[in-house]
Amino acid sequence: MVWVDATHDDYGPCGKHDIEKEAQKLSPCTYAAKYWRAPVSERCCAIIEKKLSNPGCLCAILQTRTAYDAGVRPEVAVTIPKRCNIAVRPVGHKCGGFPFV
């Protein structure tokens, strides 16, 4: 679990954004982030594609309390970009020990 302690001089991997609120924005992806074979909605794909501009932030979001409480499995969530057929994705970037594919 990654805990981000942001002070005025030290921001987390998502900059000034509240990481738990950023996690809530991924709610359309919750089902797809729990189950390998779950369909991924277009809305989820659009959100993930946008978040991939900062894979470190996306990774941190996947490890928040919000994501944990929702039942998100990081090892499944890192497969969403491929399941969305997103061409530019951080292949090999590790997220909690799980590489994006």
Protein backbone atom coordinates (compact mmCIF):
# COMPACT_ATOMS: atom_id res chain seq x y z
CA MET A 1 0.00 0.00 0.00
CA VAL A 2 1.37 3.40 -0.98
CA TRP A 3 0.56 6.28 1.32
CA VAL A 4 1.09 9.74 -0.08
CA ASP A 5 1.85 12.52 2.38
CA ALA A 6 1.70 15.77 0.42
CA THR A 7 2.97 18.95 2.00
CA HIS A 8 3.30 22.34 0.35
CA ASP A 9 6.79 21.43 -0.92
CA ASP A 10 6.36 17.70 -1.47
CA TYR A 11 3.65 16.38 -3.77
CA GLY A 12 2.89 12.75 -4.46
CA PRO A 13 2.99 10.89 -7.76
CA CYS A 14 -0.20 12.66 -8.90
CA GLY A 15 1.07 16.14 -8.16
CA LYS A 16 -1.34 18.35 -6.27
CA HIS A 17 -4.29 16.05 -6.90
CA ASP A 18 -5.82 14.17 -3.97
CA ILE A 19 -4.95 10.59 -4.79
CA GLU A 20 -8.08 9.15 -3.16
CA LYS A 21 -10.29 11.48 -5.23
CA GLU A 22 -8.36 10.43 -8.33
CA ALA A 23 -9.10 6.81 -7.42
CA GLN A 24 -12.82 7.60 -7.25
CA LYS A 25 -12.66 8.85 -10.85
CA LEU A 26 -11.74 5.31 -11.92
CA SER A 27 -15.02 3.86 -10.64
CA PRO A 28 -16.15 2.93 -14.20
CA CYS A 29 -13.16 0.56 -14.25
CA THR A 30 -13.81 -1.23 -10.97
CA TYR A 31 -15.38 -4.40 -12.38
CA ALA A 32 -12.72 -4.72 -15.09
CA ALA A 33 -10.02 -4.20 -12.44
CA LYS A 34 -11.35 -7.13 -10.39
CA TYR A 35 -11.82 -9.80 -13.04
CA TRP A 36 -9.48 -10.84 -15.87
CA ARG A 37 -12.22 -11.60 -18.38
CA ALA A 38 -14.59 -8.76 -17.53
CA PRO A 39 -15.45 -6.47 -20.43
CA VAL A 40 -13.90 -3.02 -20.24
CA SER A 41 -16.28 -0.15 -20.94
CA GLU A 42 -15.44 2.61 -23.42
CA ARG A 43 -15.68 5.10 -20.57
CA CYS A 44 -13.13 3.14 -18.56
CA CYS A 45 -10.79 2.95 -21.57
CA ALA A 46 -11.03 6.71 -22.09
CA ILE A 47 -10.20 7.37 -18.43
CA ILE A 48 -7.28 4.93 -18.43
CA GLU A 49 -5.87 6.33 -21.67
CA LYS A 50 -5.87 9.80 -20.11
CA LYS A 51 -4.27 8.56 -16.87
CA LEU A 52 -1.51 6.76 -18.79
CA SER A 53 0.16 10.12 -19.43
CA ASN A 54 1.49 9.62 -15.89
CA PRO A 55 1.88 5.87 -15.23
CA GLY A 56 3.35 6.53 -11.78
CA CYS A 57 0.17 8.34 -10.78
CA LEU A 58 -2.03 5.59 -12.21
CA CYS A 59 -0.02 3.00 -10.32
CA ALA A 60 -0.34 4.95 -7.08
CA ILE A 61 -4.10 5.25 -7.63
CA LEU A 62 -4.37 1.47 -8.04
CA GLN A 63 -2.80 1.08 -4.60
CA THR A 64 -5.00 3.51 -2.69
CA ARG A 65 -7.33 2.62 0.15
CA THR A 66 -10.24 3.52 -2.15
CA ALA A 67 -9.11 0.99 -4.77
CA TYR A 68 -8.42 -1.65 -2.11
CA ASP A 69 -11.84 -1.16 -0.51
CA ALA A 70 -13.47 -1.49 -3.96
CA GLY A 71 -11.77 -4.85 -4.48
CA VAL A 72 -9.42 -3.69 -7.24
CA ARG A 73 -6.70 -6.24 -7.96
CA PRO A 74 -3.60 -4.40 -9.24
CA GLU A 75 -2.42 -7.52 -11.11
CA VAL A 76 -5.68 -7.39 -13.10
CA ALA A 77 -5.89 -3.59 -13.36
CA VAL A 78 -2.52 -3.37 -15.13
CA THR A 79 -4.01 -5.40 -17.98
CA ILE A 80 -6.74 -2.85 -18.71
CA PRO A 81 -4.68 -0.73 -21.16
CA LYS A 82 -4.05 -3.81 -23.32
CA ARG A 83 -7.66 -4.94 -23.00
CA CYS A 84 -8.67 -1.45 -24.23
CA ASN A 85 -6.31 -1.81 -27.21
CA ILE A 86 -4.49 1.36 -26.19
CA ALA A 87 -1.51 1.54 -28.52
CA VAL A 88 0.75 3.72 -26.37
CA ARG A 89 0.99 2.14 -22.96
CA PRO A 90 3.77 1.76 -20.38
CA VAL A 91 4.66 -1.85 -21.19
CA GLY A 92 7.00 -3.18 -18.52
CA HIS A 93 6.39 -0.28 -16.10
CA LYS A 94 6.03 -1.97 -12.72
CA CYS A 95 3.08 -1.24 -10.52
CA GLY A 96 3.25 -2.83 -7.08
CA GLY A 97 5.43 -5.57 -8.55
CA PHE A 98 3.10 -6.18 -11.50
CA PRO A 99 4.22 -4.98 -14.94
CA PHE A 100 1.85 -3.22 -17.29
CA VAL A 101 1.29 -5.37 -20.37
